């Protein structure tokens, strides 16, 4: 997708994708995880993919994302991605972002509290 977007929006989307990808990998890495945790992992990766689709073609490596979240578990990472989604006014959001917000809200609602 070729899009012009502000550096701040690009940074937010990159952060969201990185947080959700990390949440997905933490759930998959836990061999003792229950089915619910594995399901959260799959859903987190799906939402991360939707976020990545909104970014312009020259996608930076998600491994280069800074700062690295410290001390957050899978659910904390999902909540951090949801908080990041609320940083920008609605008029600044790229087309398609509403689907990400809906999917992310569904994911947050599935998280145990």
PDB file of N, CA and C in Angstrom:
ATOM      1  N   UNK A   1       0.852  -1.164   0.000  1.00  0.00           N
ATOM      2  CA  UNK A   1       0.000   0.000   0.000  1.00  0.00           C
ATOM      3  C   UNK A   1       0.901   1.231   0.000  1.00  0.00           C
ATOM      4  N   UNK A   2       0.669   2.154  -0.901  1.00  0.00           N
ATOM      5  CA  UNK A   2       1.428   3.393  -0.927  1.00  0.00           C
ATOM      6  C   UNK A   2       0.569   4.481  -0.309  1.00  0.00           C
ATOM      7  N   UNK A   3       1.077   5.066   0.751  1.00  0.00           N
ATOM      8  CA  UNK A   3       0.328   6.036   1.524  1.00  0.00           C
ATOM      9  C   UNK A   3       1.283   7.090   2.053  1.00  0.00           C
ATOM     10  N   UNK A   4       0.800   8.324   2.149  1.00  0.00           N
ATOM     11  CA  UNK A   4       1.565   9.351   2.834  1.00  0.00           C
ATOM     12  C   UNK A   4       1.018   9.426   4.243  1.00  0.00           C
ATOM     13  N   UNK A   5       1.909   9.304   5.193  1.00  0.00           N
ATOM     14  CA  UNK A   5       1.465   9.351   6.580  1.00  0.00           C
ATOM     15  C   UNK A   5       2.526  10.061   7.400  1.00  0.00           C
ATOM     16  N   UNK A   6       2.072  10.706   8.464  1.00  0.00           N
ATOM     17  CA  UNK A   6       3.003  11.449   9.317  1.00  0.00           C
ATOM     18  C   UNK A   6       3.955  10.479  10.010  1.00  0.00           C
ATOM     19  N   UNK A   7       5.150  10.962  10.342  1.00  0.00           N
ATOM     20  CA  UNK A   7       6.086  10.107  11.083  1.00  0.00           C
ATOM     21  C   UNK A   7       5.516   9.632  12.418  1.00  0.00           C
ATOM     22  N   UNK A   8       4.719  10.482  13.086  1.00  0.00           N
ATOM     23  CA  UNK A   8       4.120  10.078  14.365  1.00  0.00           C
ATOM     24  C   UNK A   8       3.133   8.925  14.184  1.00  0.00           C
ATOM     25  N   UNK A   9       2.301   9.012  13.145  1.00  0.00           N
ATOM     26  CA  UNK A   9       1.340   7.937  12.881  1.00  0.00           C
ATOM     27  C   UNK A   9       2.082   6.668  12.515  1.00  0.00           C
ATOM     28  N   UNK A  10       3.099   6.794  11.678  1.00  0.00           N
ATOM     29  CA  UNK A  10       3.900   5.634  11.285  1.00  0.00           C
ATOM     30  C   UNK A  10       4.538   4.975  12.508  1.00  0.00           C
ATOM     31  N   UNK A  11       5.063   5.795  13.421  1.00  0.00           N
ATOM     32  CA  UNK A  11       5.679   5.257  14.639  1.00  0.00           C
ATOM     33  C   UNK A  11       4.645   4.543  15.510  1.00  0.00           C
ATOM     34  N   UNK A  12       3.454   5.114  15.606  1.00  0.00           N
ATOM     35  CA  UNK A  12       2.399   4.478  16.405  1.00  0.00           C
ATOM     36  C   UNK A  12       1.989   3.136  15.811  1.00  0.00           C
ATOM     37  N   UNK A  13       1.787   3.090  14.503  1.00  0.00           N
ATOM     38  CA  UNK A  13       1.395   1.829  13.863  1.00  0.00           C
ATOM     39  C   UNK A  13       2.498   0.785  13.992  1.00  0.00           C
ATOM     40  N   UNK A  14       3.748   1.219  13.847  1.00  0.00           N
ATOM     41  CA  UNK A  14       4.872   0.288  14.001  1.00  0.00           C
ATOM     42  C   UNK A  14       4.922  -0.241  15.428  1.00  0.00           C
ATOM     43  N   UNK A  15       4.716   0.649  16.395  1.00  0.00           N
ATOM     44  CA  UNK A  15       4.703   0.232  17.799  1.00  0.00           C
ATOM     45  C   UNK A  15       3.583  -0.769  18.059  1.00  0.00           C
ATOM     46  N   UNK A  16       2.388  -0.479  17.555  1.00  0.00           N
ATOM     47  CA  UNK A  16       1.266  -1.398  17.750  1.00  0.00           C
ATOM     48  C   UNK A  16       1.570  -2.775  17.159  1.00  0.00           C
ATOM     49  N   UNK A  17       2.096  -2.794  15.942  1.00  0.00           N
ATOM     50  CA  UNK A  17       2.418  -4.076  15.293  1.00  0.00           C
ATOM     51  C   UNK A  17       3.475  -4.827  16.087  1.00  0.00           C
ATOM     52  N   UNK A  18       4.490  -4.118  16.569  1.00  0.00           N
ATOM     53  CA  UNK A  18       5.550  -4.763  17.337  1.00  0.00           C
ATOM     54  C   UNK A  18       5.021  -5.326  18.654  1.00  0.00           C
ATOM     55  N   UNK A  19       4.194  -4.548  19.359  1.00  0.00           N
ATOM     56  CA  UNK A  19       3.631  -5.015  20.629  1.00  0.00           C
ATOM     57  C   UNK A  19       2.755  -6.246  20.432  1.00  0.00           C
ATOM     58  N   UNK A  20       1.922  -6.228  19.404  1.00  0.00           N
ATOM     59  CA  UNK A  20       1.030  -7.362  19.151  1.00  0.00           C
ATOM     60  C   UNK A  20       1.799  -8.591  18.685  1.00  0.00           C
ATOM     61  N   UNK A  21       2.833  -8.387  17.893  1.00  0.00           N
ATOM     62  CA  UNK A  21       3.659  -9.514  17.445  1.00  0.00           C
ATOM     63  C   UNK A  21       4.399 -10.129  18.627  1.00  0.00           C
ATOM     64  N   UNK A  22       4.900  -9.281  19.514  1.00  0.00           N
ATOM     65  CA  UNK A  22       5.567  -9.786  20.719  1.00  0.00           C
ATOM     66  C   UNK A  22       4.574 -10.526  21.616  1.00  0.00           C
ATOM     67  N   UNK A  23       3.357  -9.997  21.748  1.00  0.00           N
ATOM     68  CA  UNK A  23       2.325 -10.687  22.537  1.00  0.00           C
ATOM     69  C   UNK A  23       2.034 -12.055  21.943  1.00  0.00           C
ATOM     70  N   UNK A  24       1.975 -12.124  20.626  1.00  0.00           N
ATOM     71  CA  UNK A  24       1.716 -13.404  19.963  1.00  0.00           C
ATOM     72  C   UNK A  24       2.852 -14.381  20.208  1.00  0.00           C
ATOM     73  N   UNK A  25       4.084 -13.906  20.110  1.00  0.00           N
ATOM     74  CA  UNK A  25       5.220 -14.818  20.287  1.00  0.00           C
ATOM     75  C   UNK A  25       5.352 -15.273  21.732  1.00  0.00           C
ATOM     76  N   UNK A  26       5.001 -14.416  22.688  1.00  0.00           N
ATOM     77  CA  UNK A  26       5.076 -14.836  24.102  1.00  0.00           C
ATOM     78  C   UNK A  26       4.080 -15.948  24.401  1.00  0.00           C
ATOM     79  N   UNK A  27       2.915 -15.861  23.815  1.00  0.00           N
ATOM     80  CA  UNK A  27       1.922 -16.914  24.037  1.00  0.00           C
ATOM     81  C   UNK A  27       2.324 -18.219  23.378  1.00  0.00           C
ATOM     82  N   UNK A  28       2.918 -18.123  22.189  1.00  0.00           N
ATOM     83  CA  UNK A  28       3.347 -19.342  21.490  1.00  0.00           C
ATOM     84  C   UNK A  28       4.575 -19.961  22.139  1.00  0.00           C
ATOM     85  N   UNK A  29       5.413 -19.132  22.768  1.00  0.00           N
ATOM     86  CA  UNK A  29       6.655 -19.627  23.368  1.00  0.00           C
ATOM     87  C   UNK A  29       6.403 -20.412  24.647  1.00  0.00           C
ATOM     88  N   UNK A  30       5.274 -20.171  25.281  1.00  0.00           N
ATOM     89  CA  UNK A  30       4.948 -20.846  26.532  1.00  0.00           C
ATOM     90  C   UNK A  30       4.329 -22.207  26.214  1.00  0.00           C
ATOM     91  N   UNK A  31       5.139 -23.248  26.325  1.00  0.00           N
ATOM     92  CA  UNK A  31       4.657 -24.584  25.988  1.00  0.00           C
ATOM     93  C   UNK A  31       3.582 -25.081  26.943  1.00  0.00           C
ATOM     94  N   UNK A  32       3.531 -24.498  28.131  1.00  0.00           N
ATOM     95  CA  UNK A  32       2.521 -24.908  29.108  1.00  0.00           C
ATOM     96  C   UNK A  32       1.246 -24.071  28.993  1.00  0.00           C
ATOM     97  N   UNK A  33       1.188 -23.208  28.010  1.00  0.00           N
ATOM     98  CA  UNK A  33       0.027 -22.323  27.870  1.00  0.00           C
ATOM     99  C   UNK A  33      -1.232 -23.128  27.581  1.00  0.00           C
ATOM    100  N   UNK A  34      -2.329 -22.602  28.058  1.00  0.00           N
ATOM    101  CA  UNK A  34      -3.602 -23.260  27.783  1.00  0.00           C
ATOM    102  C   UNK A  34      -4.135 -22.798  26.425  1.00  0.00           C
ATOM    103  N   UNK A  35      -5.226 -23.376  26.038  1.00  0.00           N
ATOM    104  CA  UNK A  35      -5.821 -23.064  24.739  1.00  0.00           C
ATOM    105  C   UNK A  35      -6.184 -21.589  24.615  1.00  0.00           C
ATOM    106  N   UNK A  36      -6.672 -20.987  25.693  1.00  0.00           N
ATOM    107  CA  UNK A  36      -7.048 -19.575  25.657  1.00  0.00           C
ATOM    108  C   UNK A  36      -5.846 -18.689  25.354  1.00  0.00           C
ATOM    109  N   UNK A  37      -4.689 -19.003  25.934  1.00  0.00           N
ATOM    110  CA  UNK A  37      -3.480 -18.211  25.685  1.00  0.00           C
ATOM    111  C   UNK A  37      -3.011 -18.373  24.243  1.00  0.00           C
ATOM    112  N   UNK A  38      -3.090 -19.583  23.721  1.00  0.00           N
ATOM    113  CA  UNK A  38      -2.716 -19.806  22.330  1.00  0.00           C
ATOM    114  C   UNK A  38      -3.687 -19.081  21.386  1.00  0.00           C
ATOM    115  N   UNK A  39      -4.954 -19.073  21.739  1.00  0.00           N
ATOM    116  CA  UNK A  39      -5.943 -18.359  20.931  1.00  0.00           C
ATOM    117  C   UNK A  39      -5.646 -16.862  20.920  1.00  0.00           C
ATOM    118  N   UNK A  40      -5.291 -16.309  22.079  1.00  0.00           N
ATOM    119  CA  UNK A  40      -4.908 -14.896  22.134  1.00  0.00           C
ATOM    120  C   UNK A  40      -3.701 -14.629  21.236  1.00  0.00           C
ATOM    121  N   UNK A  41      -2.768 -15.569  21.203  1.00  0.00           N
ATOM    122  CA  UNK A  41      -1.580 -15.413  20.356  1.00  0.00           C
ATOM    123  C   UNK A  41      -1.951 -15.316  18.891  1.00  0.00           C
ATOM    124  N   UNK A  42      -2.806 -16.197  18.450  1.00  0.00           N
ATOM    125  CA  UNK A  42      -3.228 -16.189  17.042  1.00  0.00           C
ATOM    126  C   UNK A  42      -3.980 -14.902  16.727  1.00  0.00           C
ATOM    127  N   UNK A  43      -4.900 -14.516  17.598  1.00  0.00           N
ATOM    128  CA  UNK A  43      -5.675 -13.288  17.376  1.00  0.00           C
ATOM    129  C   UNK A  43      -4.777 -12.056  17.388  1.00  0.00           C
ATOM    130  N   UNK A  44      -3.795 -12.012  18.304  1.00  0.00           N
ATOM    131  CA  UNK A  44      -2.871 -10.872  18.355  1.00  0.00           C
ATOM    132  C   UNK A  44      -2.084 -10.769  17.056  1.00  0.00           C
ATOM    133  N   UNK A  45      -1.650 -11.895  16.507  1.00  0.00           N
ATOM    134  CA  UNK A  45      -0.902 -11.855  15.257  1.00  0.00           C
ATOM    135  C   UNK A  45      -1.781 -11.418  14.094  1.00  0.00           C
ATOM    136  N   UNK A  46      -3.038 -11.823  14.107  1.00  0.00           N
ATOM    137  CA  UNK A  46      -3.964 -11.370  13.060  1.00  0.00           C
ATOM    138  C   UNK A  46      -4.178  -9.858  13.102  1.00  0.00           C
ATOM    139  N   UNK A  47      -4.333  -9.314  14.301  1.00  0.00           N
ATOM    140  CA  UNK A  47      -4.509  -7.861  14.416  1.00  0.00           C
ATOM    141  C   UNK A  47      -3.220  -7.152  14.006  1.00  0.00           C
ATOM    142  N   UNK A  48      -2.068  -7.695  14.394  1.00  0.00           N
ATOM    143  CA  UNK A  48      -0.788  -7.111  13.976  1.00  0.00           C
ATOM    144  C   UNK A  48      -0.686  -7.080  12.457  1.00  0.00           C
ATOM    145  N   UNK A  49      -1.155  -8.122  11.797  1.00  0.00           N
ATOM    146  CA  UNK A  49      -1.132  -8.161  10.329  1.00  0.00           C
ATOM    147  C   UNK A  49      -2.006  -7.068   9.732  1.00  0.00           C
ATOM    148  N   UNK A  50      -3.148  -6.825  10.351  1.00  0.00           N
ATOM    149  CA  UNK A  50      -4.018  -5.738   9.872  1.00  0.00           C
ATOM    150  C   UNK A  50      -3.348  -4.380  10.032  1.00  0.00           C
ATOM    151  N   UNK A  51      -2.633  -4.199  11.130  1.00  0.00           N
ATOM    152  CA  UNK A  51      -1.906  -2.949  11.352  1.00  0.00           C
ATOM    153  C   UNK A  51      -0.823  -2.789  10.287  1.00  0.00           C
ATOM    154  N   UNK A  52      -0.085  -3.854  10.027  1.00  0.00           N
ATOM    155  CA  UNK A  52       1.006  -3.795   9.042  1.00  0.00           C
ATOM    156  C   UNK A  52       0.490  -3.449   7.647  1.00  0.00           C
ATOM    157  N   UNK A  53      -0.720  -3.878   7.329  1.00  0.00           N
ATOM    158  CA  UNK A  53      -1.309  -3.568   6.026  1.00  0.00           C
ATOM    159  C   UNK A  53      -1.540  -2.066   5.852  1.00  0.00           C
ATOM    160  N   UNK A  54      -1.651  -1.331   6.946  1.00  0.00           N
ATOM    161  CA  UNK A  54      -1.887   0.112   6.876  1.00  0.00           C
ATOM    162  C   UNK A  54      -0.604   0.907   6.661  1.00  0.00           C
ATOM    163  N   UNK A  55       0.534   0.280   6.908  1.00  0.00           N
ATOM    164  CA  UNK A  55       1.807   0.981   6.770  1.00  0.00           C
ATOM    165  C   UNK A  55       2.248   1.048   5.317  1.00  0.00           C
ATOM    166  N   UNK A  56       2.985   2.106   4.968  1.00  0.00           N
ATOM    167  CA  UNK A  56       3.533   2.195   3.609  1.00  0.00           C
ATOM    168  C   UNK A  56       4.472   1.026   3.319  1.00  0.00           C
ATOM    169  N   UNK A  57       4.816   0.872   2.066  1.00  0.00           N
ATOM    170  CA  UNK A  57       5.607  -0.278   1.615  1.00  0.00           C
ATOM    171  C   UNK A  57       6.952  -0.430   2.309  1.00  0.00           C
ATOM    172  N   UNK A  58       7.627   0.651   2.608  1.00  0.00           N
ATOM    173  CA  UNK A  58       8.962   0.560   3.182  1.00  0.00           C
ATOM    174  C   UNK A  58       8.902   0.299   4.685  1.00  0.00           C
ATOM    175  N   UNK A  59       8.435  -0.859   5.037  1.00  0.00           N
ATOM    176  CA  UNK A  59       8.228  -1.243   6.431  1.00  0.00           C
ATOM    177  C   UNK A  59       9.558  -1.461   7.144  1.00  0.00           C
ATOM    178  N   UNK A  60       9.740  -0.825   8.310  1.00  0.00           N
ATOM    179  CA  UNK A  60      10.956  -1.065   9.083  1.00  0.00           C
ATOM    180  C   UNK A  60      10.867  -2.420   9.784  1.00  0.00           C
ATOM    181  N   UNK A  61      12.006  -3.032  10.071  1.00  0.00           N
ATOM    182  CA  UNK A  61      11.965  -4.301  10.815  1.00  0.00           C
ATOM    183  C   UNK A  61      11.370  -4.083  12.210  1.00  0.00           C
ATOM    184  N   UNK A  62      10.449  -4.941  12.591  1.00  0.00           N
ATOM    185  CA  UNK A  62       9.819  -4.796  13.906  1.00  0.00           C
ATOM    186  C   UNK A  62      10.807  -5.072  15.029  1.00  0.00           C
ATOM    187  N   UNK A  63      11.876  -5.821  14.731  1.00  0.00           N
ATOM    188  CA  UNK A  63      12.891  -6.085  15.750  1.00  0.00           C
ATOM    189  C   UNK A  63      13.626  -4.819  16.159  1.00  0.00           C
ATOM    190  N   UNK A  64      13.615  -3.802  15.290  1.00  0.00           N
ATOM    191  CA  UNK A  64      14.308  -2.545  15.582  1.00  0.00           C
ATOM    192  C   UNK A  64      13.460  -1.602  16.423  1.00  0.00           C
ATOM    193  N   UNK A  65      12.236  -1.989  16.742  1.00  0.00           N
ATOM    194  CA  UNK A  65      11.342  -1.138  17.513  1.00  0.00           C
ATOM    195  C   UNK A  65      11.938  -0.838  18.882  1.00  0.00           C
ATOM    196  N   UNK A  66      11.949   0.419  19.236  1.00  0.00           N
ATOM    197  CA  UNK A  66      12.415   0.858  20.554  1.00  0.00           C
ATOM    198  C   UNK A  66      11.342   1.749  21.153  1.00  0.00           C
ATOM    199  N   UNK A  67      11.131   1.797  22.420  1.00  0.00           N
ATOM    200  CA  UNK A  67      11.815   0.977  23.406  1.00  0.00           C
ATOM    201  C   UNK A  67      11.190  -0.407  23.516  1.00  0.00           C
ATOM    202  N   UNK A  68      11.976  -1.340  23.924  1.00  0.00           N
ATOM    203  CA  UNK A  68      11.467  -2.693  24.146  1.00  0.00           C
ATOM    204  C   UNK A  68      10.619  -2.686  25.422  1.00  0.00           C
ATOM    205  N   UNK A  69       9.420  -3.257  25.368  1.00  0.00           N
ATOM    206  CA  UNK A  69       8.597  -3.288  26.583  1.00  0.00           C
ATOM    207  C   UNK A  69       9.211  -4.230  27.614  1.00  0.00           C
ATOM    208  N   UNK A  70       9.358  -3.744  28.815  1.00  0.00           N
ATOM    209  CA  UNK A  70       9.987  -4.524  29.879  1.00  0.00           C
ATOM    210  C   UNK A  70       8.922  -4.892  30.899  1.00  0.00           C
ATOM    211  N   UNK A  71       8.897  -6.150  31.271  1.00  0.00           N
ATOM    212  CA  UNK A  71       8.018  -6.587  32.344  1.00  0.00           C
ATOM    213  C   UNK A  71       6.560  -6.775  31.966  1.00  0.00           C
ATOM    214  N   UNK A  72       6.228  -6.680  30.676  1.00  0.00           N
ATOM    215  CA  UNK A  72       4.839  -6.881  30.277  1.00  0.00           C
ATOM    216  C   UNK A  72       4.630  -8.320  29.829  1.00  0.00           C
ATOM    217  N   UNK A  73       3.572  -8.914  30.330  1.00  0.00           N
ATOM    218  CA  UNK A  73       3.207 -10.244  29.859  1.00  0.00           C
ATOM    219  C   UNK A  73       2.361 -10.099  28.596  1.00  0.00           C
ATOM    220  N   UNK A  74       1.867 -11.210  28.105  1.00  0.00           N
ATOM    221  CA  UNK A  74       1.089 -11.215  26.867  1.00  0.00           C
ATOM    222  C   UNK A  74      -0.093 -10.240  26.941  1.00  0.00           C
ATOM    223  N   UNK A  75      -0.836 -10.281  28.011  1.00  0.00           N
ATOM    224  CA  UNK A  75      -2.014  -9.423  28.145  1.00  0.00           C
ATOM    225  C   UNK A  75      -1.606  -7.957  28.283  1.00  0.00           C
ATOM    226  N   UNK A  76      -0.543  -7.688  29.023  1.00  0.00           N
ATOM    227  CA  UNK A  76      -0.045  -6.325  29.152  1.00  0.00           C
ATOM    228  C   UNK A  76       0.369  -5.741  27.812  1.00  0.00           C
ATOM    229  N   UNK A  77       0.963  -6.553  26.953  1.00  0.00           N
ATOM    230  CA  UNK A  77       1.361  -6.109  25.614  1.00  0.00           C
ATOM    231  C   UNK A  77       0.136  -5.773  24.756  1.00  0.00           C
ATOM    232  N   UNK A  78      -0.890  -6.600  24.868  1.00  0.00           N
ATOM    233  CA  UNK A  78      -2.129  -6.342  24.122  1.00  0.00           C
ATOM    234  C   UNK A  78      -2.759  -5.040  24.593  1.00  0.00           C
ATOM    235  N   UNK A  79      -2.801  -4.821  25.905  1.00  0.00           N
ATOM    236  CA  UNK A  79      -3.363  -3.577  26.441  1.00  0.00           C
ATOM    237  C   UNK A  79      -2.522  -2.372  26.030  1.00  0.00           C
ATOM    238  N   UNK A  80      -1.197  -2.536  25.973  1.00  0.00           N
ATOM    239  CA  UNK A  80      -0.321  -1.434  25.544  1.00  0.00           C
ATOM    240  C   UNK A  80      -0.583  -1.077  24.079  1.00  0.00           C
ATOM    241  N   UNK A  81      -0.819  -2.074  23.245  1.00  0.00           N
ATOM    242  CA  UNK A  81      -1.142  -1.811  21.833  1.00  0.00           C
ATOM    243  C   UNK A  81      -2.472  -1.080  21.723  1.00  0.00           C
ATOM    244  N   UNK A  82      -3.427  -1.467  22.540  1.00  0.00           N
ATOM    245  CA  UNK A  82      -4.739  -0.793  22.519  1.00  0.00           C
ATOM    246  C   UNK A  82      -4.602   0.657  22.969  1.00  0.00           C
ATOM    247  N   UNK A  83      -3.796   0.907  23.993  1.00  0.00           N
ATOM    248  CA  UNK A  83      -3.571   2.281  24.459  1.00  0.00           C
ATOM    249  C   UNK A  83      -2.912   3.115  23.358  1.00  0.00           C
ATOM    250  N   UNK A  84      -1.968   2.536  22.639  1.00  0.00           N
ATOM    251  CA  UNK A  84      -1.300   3.250  21.543  1.00  0.00           C
ATOM    252  C   UNK A  84      -2.290   3.618  20.442  1.00  0.00           C
ATOM    253  N   UNK A  85      -3.310   2.793  20.253  1.00  0.00           N
ATOM    254  CA  UNK A  85      -4.284   3.052  19.186  1.00  0.00           C
ATOM    255  C   UNK A  85      -5.102   4.317  19.436  1.00  0.00           C
ATOM    256  N   UNK A  86      -5.076   4.826  20.666  1.00  0.00           N
ATOM    257  CA  UNK A  86      -5.880   6.000  21.023  1.00  0.00           C
ATOM    258  C   UNK A  86      -5.073   7.294  21.036  1.00  0.00           C
ATOM    259  N   UNK A  87      -3.861   7.293  20.523  1.00  0.00           N
ATOM    260  CA  UNK A  87      -2.989   8.470  20.580  1.00  0.00           C
ATOM    261  C   UNK A  87      -3.336   9.589  19.612  1.00  0.00           C
ATOM    262  N   UNK A  88      -3.974   9.275  18.517  1.00  0.00           N
ATOM    263  CA  UNK A  88      -4.179  10.262  17.461  1.00  0.00           C
ATOM    264  C   UNK A  88      -5.659  10.578  17.281  1.00  0.00           C
ATOM    265  N   UNK A  89      -5.962  11.832  16.926  1.00  0.00           N
ATOM    266  CA  UNK A  89      -7.363  12.190  16.634  1.00  0.00           C
ATOM    267  C   UNK A  89      -7.874  11.388  15.431  1.00  0.00           C
ATOM    268  N   UNK A  90      -9.144  11.154  15.415  1.00  0.00           N
ATOM    269  CA  UNK A  90      -9.752  10.325  14.381  1.00  0.00           C
ATOM    270  C   UNK A  90      -9.468  10.843  12.969  1.00  0.00           C
ATOM    271  N   UNK A  91      -9.351  12.172  12.830  1.00  0.00           N
ATOM    272  CA  UNK A  91      -9.107  12.705  11.484  1.00  0.00           C
ATOM    273  C   UNK A  91      -7.721  12.360  10.956  1.00  0.00           C
ATOM    274  N   UNK A  92      -6.812  11.989  11.824  1.00  0.00           N
ATOM    275  CA  UNK A  92      -5.455  11.653  11.397  1.00  0.00           C
ATOM    276  C   UNK A  92      -5.277  10.164  11.091  1.00  0.00           C
ATOM    277  N   UNK A  93      -6.269   9.374  11.390  1.00  0.00           N
ATOM    278  CA  UNK A  93      -6.128   7.927  11.237  1.00  0.00           C
ATOM    279  C   UNK A  93      -6.236   7.525   9.774  1.00  0.00           C
ATOM    280  N   UNK A  94      -5.427   6.551   9.358  1.00  0.00           N
ATOM    281  CA  UNK A  94      -5.489   6.108   7.959  1.00  0.00           C
ATOM    282  C   UNK A  94      -6.763   5.310   7.681  1.00  0.00           C
ATOM    283  N   UNK A  95      -7.131   5.281   6.407  1.00  0.00           N
ATOM    284  CA  UNK A  95      -8.281   4.477   5.988  1.00  0.00           C
ATOM    285  C   UNK A  95      -8.040   3.032   6.407  1.00  0.00           C
ATOM    286  N   UNK A  96      -9.059   2.408   6.932  1.00  0.00           N
ATOM    287  CA  UNK A  96      -8.944   1.019   7.370  1.00  0.00           C
ATOM    288  C   UNK A  96      -8.633   0.866   8.849  1.00  0.00           C
ATOM    289  N   UNK A  97      -8.304   1.964   9.520  1.00  0.00           N
ATOM    290  CA  UNK A  97      -7.937   1.863  10.928  1.00  0.00           C
ATOM    291  C   UNK A  97      -9.113   1.459  11.796  1.00  0.00           C
ATOM    292  N   UNK A  98     -10.326   1.801  11.380  1.00  0.00           N
ATOM    293  CA  UNK A  98     -11.493   1.441  12.194  1.00  0.00           C
ATOM    294  C   UNK A  98     -11.622  -0.073  12.337  1.00  0.00           C
ATOM    295  N   UNK A  99     -11.260  -0.824  11.292  1.00  0.00           N
ATOM    296  CA  UNK A  99     -11.303  -2.293  11.390  1.00  0.00           C
ATOM    297  C   UNK A  99     -10.270  -2.803  12.392  1.00  0.00           C
ATOM    298  N   UNK A 100      -9.122  -2.126  12.454  1.00  0.00           N
ATOM    299  CA  UNK A 100      -8.097  -2.491  13.432  1.00  0.00           C
ATOM    300  C   UNK A 100      -8.621  -2.231  14.842  1.00  0.00           C
ATOM    301  N   UNK A 101      -9.258  -1.086  15.054  1.00  0.00           N
ATOM    302  CA  UNK A 101      -9.790  -0.743  16.374  1.00  0.00           C
ATOM    303  C   UNK A 101     -10.826  -1.773  16.811  1.00  0.00           C
ATOM    304  N   UNK A 102     -11.689  -2.182  15.910  1.00  0.00           N
ATOM    305  CA  UNK A 102     -12.713  -3.182  16.245  1.00  0.00           C
ATOM    306  C   UNK A 102     -12.056  -4.515  16.603  1.00  0.00           C
ATOM    307  N   UNK A 103     -11.127  -4.967  15.782  1.00  0.00           N
ATOM    308  CA  UNK A 103     -10.443  -6.244  16.041  1.00  0.00           C
ATOM    309  C   UNK A 103      -9.643  -6.187  17.338  1.00  0.00           C
ATOM    310  N   UNK A 104      -8.991  -5.058  17.583  1.00  0.00           N
ATOM    311  CA  UNK A 104      -8.214  -4.900  18.807  1.00  0.00           C
ATOM    312  C   UNK A 104      -9.124  -4.861  20.027  1.00  0.00           C
ATOM    313  N   UNK A 105     -10.271  -4.197  19.910  1.00  0.00           N
ATOM    314  CA  UNK A 105     -11.240  -4.186  21.005  1.00  0.00           C
ATOM    315  C   UNK A 105     -11.760  -5.572  21.319  1.00  0.00           C
ATOM    316  N   UNK A 106     -12.027  -6.365  20.282  1.00  0.00           N
ATOM    317  CA  UNK A 106     -12.459  -7.751  20.485  1.00  0.00           C
ATOM    318  C   UNK A 106     -11.362  -8.554  21.194  1.00  0.00           C
ATOM    319  N   UNK A 107     -10.109  -8.323  20.788  1.00  0.00           N
ATOM    320  CA  UNK A 107      -8.988  -9.025  21.410  1.00  0.00           C
ATOM    321  C   UNK A 107      -8.865  -8.650  22.886  1.00  0.00           C
ATOM    322  N   UNK A 108      -8.969  -7.370  23.204  1.00  0.00           N
ATOM    323  CA  UNK A 108      -8.897  -6.920  24.602  1.00  0.00           C
ATOM    324  C   UNK A 108     -10.027  -7.550  25.414  1.00  0.00           C
ATOM    325  N   UNK A 109     -11.217  -7.630  24.835  1.00  0.00           N
ATOM    326  CA  UNK A 109     -12.357  -8.217  25.550  1.00  0.00           C
ATOM    327  C   UNK A 109     -12.157  -9.705  25.841  1.00  0.00           C
ATOM    328  N   UNK A 110     -11.336 -10.381  25.038  1.00  0.00           N
ATOM    329  CA  UNK A 110     -11.061 -11.800  25.265  1.00  0.00           C
ATOM    330  C   UNK A 110     -10.022 -12.043  26.343  1.00  0.00           C
ATOM    331  N   UNK A 111      -9.298 -10.999  26.721  1.00  0.00           N
ATOM    332  CA  UNK A 111      -8.231 -11.162  27.711  1.00  0.00           C
ATOM    333  C   UNK A 111      -8.816 -11.395  29.096  1.00  0.00           C
ATOM    334  N   UNK A 112      -8.277 -12.378  29.809  1.00  0.00           N
ATOM    335  CA  UNK A 112      -8.717 -12.569  31.200  1.00  0.00           C
ATOM    336  C   UNK A 112      -8.287 -11.380  32.047  1.00  0.00           C
ATOM    337  N   UNK A 113      -9.100 -11.036  33.014  1.00  0.00           N
ATOM    338  CA  UNK A 113      -8.792  -9.876  33.872  1.00  0.00           C
ATOM    339  C   UNK A 113      -8.581 -10.310  35.283  1.00  0.00           C
TER     340      UNK A 113
END
